[in-house]
Each structure stands twice: as C-alpha cells, then as structure tokens.
Amino acid sequence: MRLASFPRAVLFVPILLLVVTFPTFSRAADSKAPPRLVAKAPPPAAPSVPQAPTADTSASKEKPVQQIAQADLIGAGLTAADLIDMAQEYTWQEDWQQARQCLQAAAAIDPVSPEAAIALALEAETYAREGNQAQADLLLSQARAACSEAEVAAFCDAVQAWDQGLTSGPSASLEQALSLTAQQWKGTFTGGWAALRLAEHYIHLSDLDKAVAVCQATAGDYKTGPIAEEALVLLAGTVGWVQGNYPDAIALYQRAFEQVKNPRLRLRALVYTADCYMSMGDSSTAFALIQSIETDYGGRPGLPWARIYRVKAGRGIGRWDVIVDDAHAFLATTSQEVGHRNVAHRSLGDFLFIQGRFADAEAEFSAMVSSPQGTWGIAEGYTSLAECRLARGDLAGALSTYLEAADIGVTGDDKARYLYGAARVAERMGDTAAWNGIVARMTSEIPGSGYTARLAGQTLLPEPGVQGGGQ
C-alpha cells in the first residue's frame, strides 16, 4: 500500500488563511521545505538622515504571540496534508513551536496512518535541528511503530541520516543514504524529500555543480507539483547563495515564480528575488517587489519571515514606518532564527537611537549582543551599544563594551576595529594606562591592521606623573 493520496483543497482558518494541500502524498507528492541554507549578508545600513517615521514608537515592546492549539487546527477541518504543508512554512522560519503544533495535530488525526508516521518523523527533524537528538530518535521510533509500510520505513531511515548529519556535519555516508533513497523511491514523497535534501547536502559543501544537477534532475523527474516547484526555487537559491551570481539567480527565481502554484514557495521565490536585488545594492527595486506581501500573502505562516526581508529593503531607502511594524511582527513570533531576530532588534534600536531614546535603544542592541557566538549581528550590536553609551555620556560603559567585543573570539580587522574604538574612548576619558595598554595590545596581536597603524604612529598620552608626551 502506497502512502495515502492527499486531495487538493483550499481551506480557511482564522489565523492562517489560504492553506494549499499536497496533490498526492506518494506519487508526485509534496516535500518538506529544506532547512535554511546559509546566512545572508547583513542588511544595508540605515541612512544617516532617515525620513520622519510615522510608526508606533513603542519599539522596545514585543507584542504577545498568538498560539495555535492542536484542537483548533483539527477543528478547522484541516487534513494531515494541510497541516504538514503548514508545518513546512513554520520550519522554514525556524519556528519550531508552531511547526510542532501542526505536525502533532496531523499525527493525531489518524495515529496509525502513514501520514501520522510522516508527521512524527518530520517533528523529529525539528528536534534534531535544535540539537536534541535523543528526542528526535524517540519520535522516529514512534513513527516506525505507527505504520509498518516500506516507504514509511525508508522515509524514517532517510530522516534519521539527515538528522545525524545536522549534528555531525555532511559526510559520505549521508550522501550515500540520501542518494540511494532518492533513486529507490523516485516519484514518491520519500524520494522527492531525499532528493531535495541531497541538493541541500551539496549546497552545504559549496559543491555548486552537483547541487545544480540534483535540482535540475528533481524538477525533471517530478515535472509538476510541489517537489518540482521546490526544486526550481532551490536551483535559483543555489546559483544565488553558493555562486553569488545574482542576475542569473533572479532570472531563475522569476521563472520559478511563473511556474510555481504552491503559495509558500511563491512567497519564497518572491522574497529571495528581492534579496538578490539587495545583494546587488538595489534596495529600491527590492522594496517595490515585496511591498505588497502583507496584502498578497496575509495570514500565511511565512509572512513574518518575509516581512524581515522587507525590513532589510526598507532600511536602504529609509522606510521607517514599514520597518518598525515589520520588526515588531517578526519578534512577536516564536521563530528561533537568531540572525533575523537581530535584524529586527537592530532596526528598532536604530529607530529609537535616532529619536534620542538611548536607554530603549540599548535594550534592543543588548538583545543582539546576547546572541550565541557566530550569529550575524553580534558585531553590529556591540558597536551600536557602545554608541548608545557614548551618546548618554557613559564613557566607562562604552570602553567596557568595546573591550568586551574584542574578547569574544573576533580576529583581524573586526578585533582591530573594537580595540581602536576602545582606544578613542580611553583618550576621551584621559585614561593613559588604558590607552597605552590597548595600543600595545594592538601592536602585539594585530600589527598589520590599518587601525593599529593609525594609533601606533600617534603620540601616546603620558603616564600619570610623567611630564611631556609618550612615544
């Protein structure tokens, strides 16, 4: 017995409007959305003289999150396929809490069905993405117990291999497992899922040729339907993210947008087209492309994620009225995409700084600084936090902020930039010992930096009790 077929339907619920289901769950069925690929470049800096904003100025307050209960989802008449499709959109924006609600509701409709097993396996992936492999393995065991069909077993094996790869990194064994599953189950939900994950695997390895080949082959194998559509969107992302060929990526995204029917994939193609324009320095075109997303995609799970890209585009043209509302909307979700949360915090912080509300701005920048190391936005958070403290006249606080930033594992010019900022604050404070210590550290640790050269060639402040200049 093949996995049950999912009928097409358009359903409406109060929170999430327009949910489109899979065509079938076996032959030419939908796949789940791929994990986020690679971090994008930082958004454009805010203009020095922004337009006067008309947005709500309570920018430091996050609005409460409206939760979706499993009973509400099932009560709305959504099928397992609807719920799994909805979960994919939440998974894309790393909103694990809402994705699990959808997947748990899908599994509860018929606990011994293939669809329930698939939902449990996909829920397992959300835990693996958070590093909780024990919970992921438990759910995979439950998935296998829920349905003994061969395709379900193959799907669970592929998900387990993928989950382990999320923890240990890409490997030859993962490539082999995904490739074998994609070939053995070609034309099914399981085969399509494995093929798209295989393309993701090559993207993680920055192997453009193989990633493109898999995307093209998958689009050809499935021809129509969400698997083929997702392969087209992923192909464009491969050319854009891995190769950095934004003009070609834009053309591929536009082609995908014309052919794709699934609204979550259409939204993704539209937003990433705008992102390509931003990467090319054209924020005006990017903003124009996604300006109407709230009208066109209102109520979709992916809308808050899309709005953070409108924040990035809006920063480039000074649209603070839109920026503040969009940043609030994203922060009101339970998304764990820390890089995007930092974009929102930075934007609200910049808005508050411009208004002279330095304490409120500090709260936003402090949220960025508290992110895990390696997350985009930490460097910008430290710099902005130091500027806030300087604006308030807290020189000691600014000096401490710069020195803390220099000690978080940064290297090269990033480290030099922080130490240079610290030296300038020490100079304003008249702190000779701090100045001399910072310059000596820069000369020793980063002698080749232009920042070091600027300071090393200057006359140092005299030590206390010493008359005249230093070196």
Protein backbone atom coordinates (compact mmCIF):
# COMPACT_ATOMS: atom_id res chain seq x y z
CA MET A 1 0.00 0.00 0.00
CA ARG A 2 1.35 3.40 -1.01
CA LEU A 3 1.05 6.43 1.22
CA ALA A 4 -2.44 7.82 1.07
CA SER A 5 -3.19 10.40 -1.55
CA PHE A 6 -3.85 13.98 -0.46
CA PRO A 7 -6.66 15.80 -2.33
CA ARG A 8 -6.31 19.38 -3.45
CA ALA A 9 -8.23 21.83 -1.30
CA VAL A 10 -8.32 25.48 -0.29
CA LEU A 11 -9.26 25.96 3.33
CA PHE A 12 -9.56 28.98 5.57
CA VAL A 13 -8.82 29.31 9.27
CA PRO A 14 -8.95 32.46 11.40
CA ILE A 15 -5.20 32.73 11.91
CA LEU A 16 -3.80 31.18 8.76
CA LEU A 17 -5.68 31.93 5.58
CA LEU A 18 -5.28 30.03 2.34
CA VAL A 19 -3.71 26.66 3.08
CA VAL A 20 -2.99 24.63 -0.06
CA THR A 21 -2.66 20.87 0.30
CA PHE A 22 -0.40 18.33 -1.41
CA PRO A 23 -1.53 16.82 -4.73
CA THR A 24 -0.61 13.31 -3.50
CA PHE A 25 1.39 12.03 -0.60
CA SER A 26 3.03 9.24 -2.55
CA ARG A 27 3.42 9.74 -6.27
CA ALA A 28 4.46 13.33 -7.08
CA ALA A 29 3.73 14.41 -3.52
CA ASP A 30 4.96 17.47 -1.69
CA SER A 31 8.23 17.54 0.19
CA LYS A 32 9.00 19.46 3.29
CA ALA A 33 10.80 22.77 2.99
CA PRO A 34 14.59 22.47 3.10
CA PRO A 35 16.44 23.82 6.11
CA ARG A 36 17.73 27.36 5.84
CA LEU A 37 20.77 27.31 3.62
CA VAL A 38 23.49 29.77 4.53
CA ALA A 39 23.43 33.07 6.33
CA LYS A 40 22.86 36.05 4.11
CA ALA A 41 24.89 39.23 4.13
CA PRO A 42 23.96 41.92 6.67
CA PRO A 43 21.20 44.33 5.64
CA PRO A 44 22.09 47.76 4.26
CA ALA A 45 23.00 50.35 6.86
CA ALA A 46 20.32 52.82 7.86
CA PRO A 47 20.58 56.17 6.07
CA SER A 48 22.14 58.99 8.02
CA VAL A 49 19.10 61.22 7.62
CA PRO A 50 16.06 58.93 7.61
CA GLN A 51 12.57 60.03 6.74
CA ALA A 52 10.44 61.02 9.68
CA PRO A 53 8.75 57.83 10.84
CA THR A 54 5.03 57.58 11.40
CA ALA A 55 5.13 54.16 13.04
CA ASP A 56 4.26 53.20 16.59
CA THR A 57 7.14 54.48 18.71
CA SER A 58 6.87 51.83 21.43
CA ALA A 59 9.59 49.97 19.58
CA SER A 60 11.09 48.23 22.58
CA LYS A 61 7.90 46.33 23.40
CA GLU A 62 7.31 42.93 21.84
CA LYS A 63 3.70 42.03 21.20
CA PRO A 64 2.27 38.75 22.55
CA VAL A 65 2.38 35.68 20.35
CA GLN A 66 -0.95 34.21 19.34
CA GLN A 67 -0.63 30.45 19.73
CA ILE A 68 -2.42 27.83 17.65
CA ALA A 69 -3.82 24.89 19.58
CA GLN A 70 -3.93 21.42 18.04
CA ALA A 71 -7.66 21.23 18.69
CA ASP A 72 -8.18 24.48 16.80
CA LEU A 73 -6.24 23.16 13.81
CA ILE A 74 -8.14 19.89 13.66
CA GLY A 75 -11.43 21.60 14.38
CA ALA A 76 -10.91 23.87 11.39
CA GLY A 77 -11.22 20.81 9.15
CA LEU A 78 -7.57 20.71 8.08
CA THR A 79 -6.29 17.39 6.76
CA ALA A 80 -2.98 15.83 7.68
CA ALA A 81 -1.59 17.04 4.36
CA ASP A 82 -2.74 20.60 5.06
CA LEU A 83 -1.09 20.54 8.46
CA ILE A 84 2.18 19.10 7.18
CA ASP A 85 2.32 21.74 4.46
CA MET A 86 1.66 24.42 7.07
CA ALA A 87 4.42 22.99 9.26
CA GLN A 88 6.90 23.30 6.41
CA GLU A 89 6.32 27.04 6.28
CA TYR A 90 6.93 27.37 10.02
CA THR A 91 10.01 25.16 9.76
CA TRP A 92 11.48 27.43 7.09
CA GLN A 93 11.44 30.36 9.53
CA GLU A 94 12.70 28.13 12.36
CA ASP A 95 9.50 28.46 14.35
CA TRP A 96 9.78 25.01 15.89
CA GLN A 97 6.98 25.54 18.38
CA GLN A 98 4.34 26.27 15.77
CA ALA A 99 5.68 23.64 13.38
CA ARG A 100 5.33 21.01 16.08
CA GLN A 101 1.78 22.08 16.82
CA CYS A 102 0.91 21.45 13.18
CA LEU A 103 2.74 18.12 12.99
CA GLN A 104 1.30 16.85 16.25
CA ALA A 105 -2.17 17.77 15.05
CA ALA A 106 -1.51 15.94 11.78
CA ALA A 107 -0.41 12.81 13.63
CA ALA A 108 -3.45 12.96 15.92
CA ILE A 109 -5.97 12.73 13.05
CA ASP A 110 -5.23 9.04 12.42
CA PRO A 111 -2.40 7.86 14.72
CA VAL A 112 -1.74 4.59 12.80
CA SER A 113 -1.72 6.06 9.30
CA PRO A 114 1.27 6.67 7.03
CA GLU A 115 0.56 10.39 7.31
CA ALA A 116 0.89 10.20 11.10
CA ALA A 117 4.24 8.44 10.74
CA ILE A 118 5.48 11.08 8.30
CA ALA A 119 4.38 13.86 10.66
CA LEU A 120 6.22 12.24 13.59
CA ALA A 121 9.37 11.85 11.51
CA LEU A 122 9.26 15.49 10.44
CA GLU A 123 8.70 16.51 14.05
CA ALA A 124 11.83 14.53 14.88
CA GLU A 125 13.75 16.70 12.44
CA THR A 126 12.72 19.86 14.30
CA TYR A 127 14.33 18.49 17.45
CA ALA A 128 17.46 17.45 15.57
CA ARG A 129 17.70 20.99 14.20
CA GLU A 130 17.79 22.19 17.82
CA GLY A 131 20.43 19.62 18.78
CA ASN A 132 18.08 17.33 20.71
CA GLN A 133 18.97 14.06 19.01
CA ALA A 134 17.54 11.93 21.84
CA GLN A 135 14.04 13.33 21.32
CA ALA A 136 14.45 13.03 17.57
CA ASP A 137 15.34 9.35 17.87
CA LEU A 138 12.36 8.73 20.17
CA LEU A 139 9.94 10.27 17.67
CA LEU A 140 11.44 8.27 14.82
CA SER A 141 10.85 5.08 16.81
CA GLN A 142 7.23 6.13 17.33
CA ALA A 143 6.92 6.86 13.61
CA ARG A 144 8.14 3.40 12.67
CA ALA A 145 5.73 1.85 15.17
CA ALA A 146 2.79 3.86 13.84
CA CYS A 147 2.97 2.35 10.35
CA SER A 148 4.95 -0.60 9.00
CA GLU A 149 4.78 0.28 5.29
CA ALA A 150 8.08 0.05 3.42
CA GLU A 151 8.00 3.63 2.26
CA VAL A 152 7.48 4.87 5.81
CA ALA A 153 10.48 2.84 6.98
CA ALA A 154 12.61 4.23 4.15
CA PHE A 155 11.50 7.77 4.95
CA CYS A 156 12.34 7.37 8.65
CA ASP A 157 15.78 5.98 7.76
CA ALA A 158 16.45 8.96 5.47
CA VAL A 159 15.27 11.45 8.10
CA GLN A 160 17.47 9.79 10.73
CA ALA A 161 20.51 10.02 8.46
CA TRP A 162 19.72 13.67 7.77
CA ASP A 163 19.20 14.39 11.48
CA GLN A 164 22.55 12.89 12.34
CA GLY A 165 24.14 14.99 9.61
CA LEU A 166 22.69 18.13 11.20
CA THR A 167 24.67 17.24 14.32
CA SER A 168 27.88 15.81 12.92
CA GLY A 169 28.03 17.63 9.58
CA PRO A 170 27.93 16.44 5.95
CA SER A 171 29.52 13.07 5.30
CA ALA A 172 29.94 10.47 2.58
CA SER A 173 27.52 8.16 4.41
CA LEU A 174 24.83 10.85 4.44
CA GLU A 175 25.31 11.48 0.72
CA GLN A 176 25.04 7.76 0.02
CA ALA A 177 21.90 7.35 2.14
CA LEU A 178 20.10 10.27 0.52
CA SER A 179 21.15 9.33 -3.00
CA LEU A 180 20.01 5.73 -2.55
CA THR A 181 16.64 6.75 -1.11
CA ALA A 182 16.07 9.31 -3.86
CA GLN A 183 16.69 6.67 -6.53
CA GLN A 184 14.81 3.78 -4.93
CA TRP A 185 11.74 5.86 -4.20
CA LYS A 186 11.82 8.18 -7.20
CA GLY A 187 8.39 9.63 -7.90
CA THR A 188 7.21 9.34 -4.30
CA PHE A 189 7.07 11.74 -1.40
CA THR A 190 10.02 9.93 0.18
CA GLY A 191 12.11 10.05 -3.00
CA GLY A 192 11.42 13.72 -3.53
CA TRP A 193 12.23 14.61 0.07
CA ALA A 194 15.53 12.72 -0.16
CA ALA A 195 16.44 14.35 -3.49
CA LEU A 196 15.90 17.85 -2.11
CA ARG A 197 17.91 17.03 0.99
CA LEU A 198 20.69 15.70 -1.25
CA ALA A 199 20.77 19.05 -3.05
CA GLU A 200 20.94 20.76 0.36
CA HIS A 201 23.83 18.47 1.27
CA TYR A 202 25.80 19.65 -1.77
CA ILE A 203 24.93 23.27 -1.02
CA HIS A 204 26.37 22.86 2.48
CA LEU A 205 29.54 21.56 0.83
CA SER A 206 29.51 24.51 -1.63
CA ASP A 207 29.52 21.98 -4.47
CA LEU A 208 27.62 24.05 -7.00
CA ASP A 209 27.77 21.63 -9.93
CA LYS A 210 26.29 18.70 -8.01
CA ALA A 211 23.66 20.84 -6.30
CA VAL A 212 22.50 22.28 -9.62
CA ALA A 213 22.46 18.83 -11.22
CA VAL A 214 20.30 17.36 -8.46
CA CYS A 215 17.87 20.30 -8.56
CA GLN A 216 17.52 20.06 -12.34
CA ALA A 217 17.09 16.28 -12.25
CA THR A 218 14.48 16.50 -9.49
CA ALA A 219 12.50 19.16 -11.35
CA GLY A 220 12.58 16.92 -14.42
CA ASP A 221 11.69 13.72 -12.56
CA TYR A 222 8.64 15.23 -10.87
CA LYS A 223 7.75 17.65 -13.69
CA THR A 224 4.82 19.29 -11.86
CA GLY A 225 3.71 19.56 -8.26
CA PRO A 226 5.39 20.94 -5.16
CA ILE A 227 8.52 18.76 -5.33
CA ALA A 228 9.33 20.03 -8.82
CA GLU A 229 8.40 23.55 -7.74
CA GLU A 230 10.66 23.43 -4.72
CA ALA A 231 13.49 22.10 -6.86
CA LEU A 232 13.15 25.15 -9.12
CA VAL A 233 13.27 27.53 -6.15
CA LEU A 234 16.22 25.67 -4.66
CA LEU A 235 18.03 25.80 -8.01
CA ALA A 236 17.77 29.58 -8.02
CA GLY A 237 19.00 29.70 -4.44
CA THR A 238 21.99 27.56 -5.33
CA VAL A 239 23.03 29.92 -8.10
CA GLY A 240 22.47 32.95 -5.86
CA TRP A 241 23.80 31.80 -2.49
CA VAL A 242 26.60 29.46 -3.47
CA GLN A 243 27.80 31.07 -6.69
CA GLY A 244 26.85 34.65 -5.91
CA ASN A 245 25.51 35.04 -9.46
CA TYR A 246 22.59 37.30 -8.62
CA PRO A 247 21.44 38.23 -12.15
CA ASP A 248 21.11 34.56 -13.13
CA ALA A 249 19.50 33.75 -9.80
CA ILE A 250 16.93 36.50 -10.36
CA ALA A 251 16.07 35.04 -13.75
CA LEU A 252 15.66 31.58 -12.21
CA TYR A 253 13.51 32.92 -9.38
CA GLN A 254 11.31 34.74 -11.87
CA ARG A 255 10.94 31.56 -13.89
CA ALA A 256 10.04 29.66 -10.72
CA PHE A 257 7.54 32.32 -9.68
CA GLU A 258 5.78 31.98 -13.01
CA GLN A 259 5.51 28.19 -12.74
CA VAL A 260 5.04 27.59 -9.03
CA LYS A 261 1.50 27.15 -7.69
CA ASN A 262 2.19 26.45 -4.02
CA PRO A 263 1.82 29.81 -2.20
CA ARG A 264 4.56 29.16 0.36
CA LEU A 265 7.02 28.51 -2.47
CA ARG A 266 5.78 31.50 -4.47
CA LEU A 267 6.36 33.69 -1.43
CA ARG A 268 9.85 32.27 -1.01
CA ALA A 269 10.71 32.89 -4.66
CA LEU A 270 9.40 36.45 -4.49
CA VAL A 271 11.27 37.32 -1.31
CA TYR A 272 14.54 35.81 -2.48
CA THR A 273 14.29 37.69 -5.75
CA ALA A 274 14.16 40.85 -3.67
CA ASP A 275 17.07 39.58 -1.58
CA CYS A 276 19.16 39.20 -4.74
CA TYR A 277 18.46 42.81 -5.64
CA MET A 278 19.52 43.86 -2.13
CA SER A 279 22.75 41.89 -2.52
CA MET A 280 23.34 43.91 -5.71
CA GLY A 281 22.77 47.15 -3.79
CA ASP A 282 19.34 47.90 -5.26
CA SER A 283 17.10 48.32 -2.21
CA SER A 284 14.51 50.35 -4.11
CA THR A 285 13.69 47.54 -6.54
CA ALA A 286 13.77 45.01 -3.71
CA PHE A 287 11.31 47.03 -1.64
CA ALA A 288 8.99 47.56 -4.60
CA LEU A 289 8.89 43.80 -5.23
CA ILE A 290 7.84 42.85 -1.72
CA GLN A 291 5.99 45.98 -0.64
CA SER A 292 2.58 44.30 -1.00
CA ILE A 293 3.39 40.96 0.66
CA GLU A 294 1.07 41.67 3.57
CA THR A 295 -1.83 42.11 1.16
CA ASP A 296 -0.92 39.25 -1.17
CA TYR A 297 0.09 36.73 1.50
CA GLY A 298 -1.83 37.91 4.55
CA GLY A 299 -2.30 35.23 7.19
CA ARG A 300 0.32 32.84 5.84
CA PRO A 301 2.75 31.31 8.36
CA GLY A 302 5.68 32.60 6.30
CA LEU A 303 4.54 36.23 6.29
CA PRO A 304 6.53 37.37 9.38
CA TRP A 305 9.65 35.78 7.88
CA ALA A 306 9.01 37.61 4.60
CA ARG A 307 8.49 40.88 6.43
CA ILE A 308 12.00 40.76 7.87
CA TYR A 309 13.28 40.95 4.29
CA ARG A 310 11.06 43.99 3.79
CA VAL A 311 12.82 45.44 6.86
CA LYS A 312 16.17 44.95 5.13
CA ALA A 313 14.95 46.56 1.93
CA GLY A 314 13.25 49.36 3.84
CA ARG A 315 16.46 50.23 5.68
CA GLY A 316 18.11 51.01 2.37
CA ILE A 317 15.50 53.64 1.48
CA GLY A 318 14.58 54.96 4.93
CA ARG A 319 11.07 53.50 5.17
CA TRP A 320 10.95 53.55 8.97
CA ASP A 321 7.15 53.47 9.02
CA VAL A 322 7.26 49.97 7.50
CA ILE A 323 10.46 48.88 9.23
CA VAL A 324 9.14 49.29 12.78
CA ASP A 325 5.87 47.43 12.15
CA ASP A 326 7.63 44.60 10.32
CA ALA A 327 10.30 44.23 13.01
CA HIS A 328 7.60 44.01 15.68
CA ALA A 329 5.73 41.40 13.65
CA PHE A 330 8.76 39.14 13.42
CA LEU A 331 9.74 39.50 17.07
CA ALA A 332 6.17 38.61 18.05
CA THR A 333 6.64 35.13 16.58
CA THR A 334 8.34 32.20 18.27
CA SER A 335 10.87 31.91 15.45
CA GLN A 336 14.34 30.93 16.63
CA GLU A 337 16.09 32.39 13.56
CA VAL A 338 18.54 34.45 15.60
CA GLY A 339 20.05 36.29 12.65
CA HIS A 340 16.63 37.62 11.64
CA ARG A 341 15.76 38.48 15.22
CA ASN A 342 18.96 40.52 15.32
CA VAL A 343 17.94 42.36 12.15
CA ALA A 344 14.67 43.26 13.87
CA HIS A 345 16.37 44.33 17.11
CA ARG A 346 18.96 46.37 15.25
CA SER A 347 16.29 48.14 13.21
CA LEU A 348 14.22 49.01 16.26
CA GLY A 349 17.38 50.09 18.08
CA ASP A 350 18.41 52.38 15.22
CA PHE A 351 14.91 53.87 15.14
CA LEU A 352 15.00 54.58 18.88
CA PHE A 353 18.55 55.97 18.69
CA ILE A 354 17.51 58.44 16.02
CA GLN A 355 14.71 59.57 18.31
CA GLY A 356 17.16 60.09 21.15
CA ARG A 357 15.69 57.27 23.24
CA PHE A 358 19.07 55.82 24.10
CA ALA A 359 18.06 53.61 27.03
CA ASP A 360 15.37 51.91 24.93
CA ALA A 361 17.80 51.57 22.04
CA GLU A 362 20.33 49.94 24.37
CA ALA A 363 17.79 47.26 25.24
CA GLU A 364 17.47 46.32 21.57
CA PHE A 365 21.23 46.28 20.98
CA SER A 366 21.77 44.29 24.19
CA ALA A 367 19.47 41.60 22.81
CA MET A 368 21.79 41.30 19.80
CA VAL A 369 24.89 41.04 21.98
CA SER A 370 23.35 38.19 23.98
CA SER A 371 23.06 36.01 20.83
CA PRO A 372 25.17 32.85 20.52
CA GLN A 373 28.69 33.50 19.21
CA GLY A 374 28.94 33.27 15.46
CA THR A 375 25.46 34.68 14.88
CA TRP A 376 25.15 37.56 12.46
CA GLY A 377 24.52 40.82 14.28
CA ILE A 378 26.70 40.46 17.36
CA ALA A 379 29.40 42.75 15.98
CA GLU A 380 26.83 45.36 14.95
CA GLY A 381 25.17 45.03 18.34
CA TYR A 382 28.37 45.80 20.24
CA THR A 383 29.19 48.79 18.05
CA SER A 384 25.68 50.22 18.38
CA LEU A 385 25.60 49.55 22.11
CA ALA A 386 28.86 51.44 22.56
CA GLU A 387 27.47 54.35 20.52
CA CYS A 388 24.40 54.46 22.76
CA ARG A 389 26.55 54.66 25.86
CA LEU A 390 28.70 57.36 24.32
CA ALA A 391 25.56 59.33 23.46
CA ARG A 392 24.47 59.10 27.10
CA GLY A 393 27.91 60.22 28.26
CA ASP A 394 28.73 56.81 29.76
CA LEU A 395 32.36 56.67 28.63
CA ALA A 396 33.29 53.89 31.03
CA GLY A 397 30.41 51.79 29.77
CA ALA A 398 31.41 52.40 26.15
CA LEU A 399 35.04 51.47 26.88
CA SER A 400 33.92 48.26 28.60
CA THR A 401 31.65 47.41 25.65
CA TYR A 402 34.42 47.78 23.07
CA LEU A 403 36.86 45.73 25.15
CA GLU A 404 34.27 43.00 25.71
CA ALA A 405 33.61 42.89 21.97
CA ALA A 406 37.32 42.44 21.26
CA ASP A 407 37.39 39.40 23.53
CA ILE A 408 34.54 37.36 22.02
CA GLY A 409 36.71 35.50 19.55
CA VAL A 410 36.83 38.03 16.71
CA THR A 411 40.01 38.34 14.69
CA GLY A 412 41.67 40.61 12.14
CA ASP A 413 40.09 43.96 11.38
CA ASP A 414 37.00 43.15 13.45
CA LYS A 415 39.16 42.88 16.54
CA ALA A 416 41.19 45.91 15.49
CA ARG A 417 38.02 47.96 14.99
CA TYR A 418 36.82 47.25 18.52
CA LEU A 419 40.19 47.98 20.10
CA TYR A 420 40.52 51.16 18.06
CA GLY A 421 37.11 52.27 19.35
CA ALA A 422 38.20 51.44 22.89
CA ALA A 423 41.40 53.47 22.46
CA ARG A 424 39.48 56.50 21.27
CA VAL A 425 37.14 56.30 24.26
CA ALA A 426 40.13 55.95 26.59
CA GLU A 427 41.58 59.09 25.01
CA ARG A 428 38.35 60.99 25.67
CA MET A 429 38.44 59.78 29.26
CA GLY A 430 42.08 60.82 29.67
CA ASP A 431 42.84 57.25 30.78
CA THR A 432 46.54 56.99 29.92
CA ALA A 433 47.00 53.47 31.22
CA ALA A 434 44.06 52.14 29.22
CA TRP A 435 45.24 53.92 26.07
CA ASN A 436 48.78 52.62 26.29
CA GLY A 437 47.58 49.10 27.13
CA ILE A 438 45.19 48.98 24.17
CA VAL A 439 47.78 50.27 21.69
CA ALA A 440 50.37 47.80 23.00
CA ARG A 441 47.84 45.00 22.61
CA MET A 442 47.04 46.04 19.04
CA THR A 443 50.73 46.26 18.14
CA SER A 444 51.27 42.77 19.52
CA GLU A 445 48.10 40.96 18.38
CA ILE A 446 47.16 42.70 15.11
CA PRO A 447 50.28 44.56 13.92
CA GLY A 448 49.26 44.60 10.26
CA SER A 449 45.92 46.32 10.71
CA GLY A 450 45.34 49.80 9.40
CA TYR A 451 43.67 50.64 12.72
CA THR A 452 46.87 49.69 14.54
CA ALA A 453 48.93 51.85 12.19
CA ARG A 454 46.72 54.84 12.88
CA LEU A 455 47.25 54.63 16.62
CA ALA A 456 50.84 53.38 16.77
CA GLY A 457 52.04 56.40 14.84
CA GLN A 458 50.46 58.86 17.25
CA THR A 459 51.86 60.42 20.40
CA LEU A 460 50.68 58.45 23.40
CA LEU A 461 49.23 60.09 26.42
CA PRO A 462 51.75 60.42 29.23
CA GLU A 463 51.63 58.01 32.13
CA PRO A 464 50.34 59.58 35.37
CA GLY A 465 53.04 61.70 36.96
CA VAL A 466 55.13 61.85 33.77
CA GLN A 467 55.61 65.19 32.06
CA GLY A 468 55.54 65.56 28.31
CA GLY A 469 54.42 63.17 25.60
CA GLY A 470 54.90 59.50 25.26
CA GLN A 471 56.39 57.76 22.27
